[in-house]
Protein backbone atom coordinates (compact mmCIF):
# COMPACT_ATOMS: atom_id res chain seq x y z
CA UNK A 1 79.86 131.57 133.51
CA UNK A 2 79.61 131.14 137.35
CA UNK A 3 79.12 127.84 139.09
CA UNK A 4 75.70 128.61 140.27
CA UNK A 5 74.64 129.43 136.46
CA UNK A 6 76.44 126.21 135.03
CA UNK A 7 74.55 124.22 137.96
CA UNK A 8 71.32 125.57 137.22
CA UNK A 9 71.85 124.58 133.30
CA UNK A 10 72.83 121.01 134.38
CA UNK A 11 69.67 121.07 136.74
CA UNK A 12 67.28 122.26 133.93
CA UNK A 13 68.54 119.92 131.29
CA UNK A 14 68.12 116.79 133.77
CA UNK A 15 64.51 117.95 134.53
CA UNK A 16 63.87 118.10 130.88
CA UNK A 17 65.36 114.74 130.22
CA UNK A 18 63.46 113.20 133.33
CA UNK A 19 59.95 114.91 131.99
CA UNK A 20 60.84 113.10 128.71
CA UNK A 21 61.50 109.81 130.03
CA UNK A 22 58.55 109.99 132.27
CA UNK A 23 56.24 110.56 129.17
CA UNK A 24 57.84 107.89 127.19
CA UNK A 25 57.38 105.50 129.93
CA UNK A 26 53.77 106.76 130.39
CA UNK A 27 53.04 106.45 126.76
CA UNK A 28 54.64 102.81 126.69
CA UNK A 29 52.47 101.62 129.76
CA UNK A 30 49.33 103.06 127.82
CA UNK A 31 49.95 101.54 124.57
CA UNK A 32 50.58 98.07 126.32
CA UNK A 33 47.34 98.19 128.48
CA UNK A 34 45.03 99.10 125.73
CA UNK A 35 46.62 96.74 123.14
CA UNK A 36 45.94 93.67 125.26
CA UNK A 37 42.53 93.36 123.57
CA UNK A 38 39.04 93.55 124.59
CA UNK A 39 37.62 91.35 127.22
CA UNK A 40 35.33 88.45 126.30
CA UNK A 41 33.20 85.86 128.23
CA UNK A 42 34.32 82.17 127.89
CA UNK A 43 31.40 80.48 126.16
CA UNK A 44 30.27 76.92 127.25
CA UNK A 45 31.77 74.18 125.12
CA UNK A 46 31.15 71.14 127.58
CA UNK A 47 29.19 68.45 125.68
CA UNK A 48 29.96 69.89 122.33
CA UNK A 49 31.60 68.19 119.41
CA UNK A 50 35.44 69.12 118.95
CA UNK A 51 34.51 71.11 115.42
CA UNK A 52 31.65 72.95 117.19
CA UNK A 53 33.59 73.78 120.36
CA UNK A 54 36.64 75.16 118.07
CA UNK A 55 34.11 77.08 115.94
CA UNK A 56 32.38 78.86 119.15
CA UNK A 57 35.68 79.57 120.66
CA UNK A 58 36.92 81.17 117.58
CA UNK A 59 33.67 83.22 117.02
CA UNK A 60 34.35 84.67 120.62
CA UNK A 61 37.90 85.55 119.57
CA UNK A 62 39.46 82.67 121.67
CA UNK A 63 42.17 80.12 120.79
CA UNK A 64 41.71 76.48 121.41
CA UNK A 65 44.35 74.01 122.77
CA UNK A 66 42.70 70.33 122.63
CA UNK A 67 43.54 67.50 125.12
CA UNK A 68 42.48 63.93 124.66
CA UNK A 69 41.21 62.11 127.48
CA UNK A 70 40.53 58.36 127.23
CA UNK A 71 36.94 57.61 128.51
CA UNK A 72 35.15 54.52 127.34
CA UNK A 73 31.74 55.86 128.65
CA UNK A 74 31.30 58.69 126.41
CA UNK A 75 31.38 58.98 122.55
CA UNK A 76 34.50 60.25 121.03
CA UNK A 77 35.48 63.76 120.28
CA UNK A 78 33.01 65.38 122.88
CA UNK A 79 34.34 67.96 125.32
CA UNK A 80 34.13 66.75 128.94
CA UNK A 81 35.78 69.66 130.57
CA UNK A 82 37.42 73.08 129.72
CA UNK A 83 39.57 75.59 131.44
CA UNK A 84 38.91 78.42 131.99
CA UNK A 85 35.42 77.61 132.99
CA UNK A 86 32.25 79.01 131.16
CA UNK A 87 31.38 82.58 132.07
CA UNK A 88 34.78 83.61 133.13
CA UNK A 89 36.10 86.87 131.45
CA UNK A 90 39.61 86.86 129.65
CA UNK A 91 41.31 88.64 126.95
CA UNK A 92 40.36 88.07 123.53
CA UNK A 93 42.99 85.65 121.93
CA UNK A 94 43.15 83.68 125.51
CA UNK A 95 44.06 80.09 124.96
CA UNK A 96 40.97 77.81 126.19
CA UNK A 97 41.98 74.25 126.94
CA UNK A 98 39.24 71.69 125.90
CA UNK A 99 39.50 68.17 127.23
CA UNK A 100 38.08 65.68 124.66
CA UNK A 101 37.02 62.11 124.99
CA UNK A 102 38.93 59.53 123.11
CA UNK A 103 37.75 55.85 123.17
CA UNK A 104 41.07 54.11 122.18
CA UNK A 105 42.24 51.27 124.15
């Protein structure tokens, strides 16, 4: 076999390998993009009781992280603030932080 023919065989194999690698990377990126979940609008939970806020979030496909804030002027267990804000668009399964009142001294 001549040198040119051997070189051509190596080049063909490298091209096939590069194409397979490109297909693999493209399919992986496509899978990651589409597996991230659908987008949902963050519902308003401010002013709601803790259990109601959690229920609203779960109905929208969101998770909740509760943080207690000491506030003597509001009844205990009411959502004072949330992050992200109502109306923002996030992926399903996103964790919404709700800040709840607590009247402990």
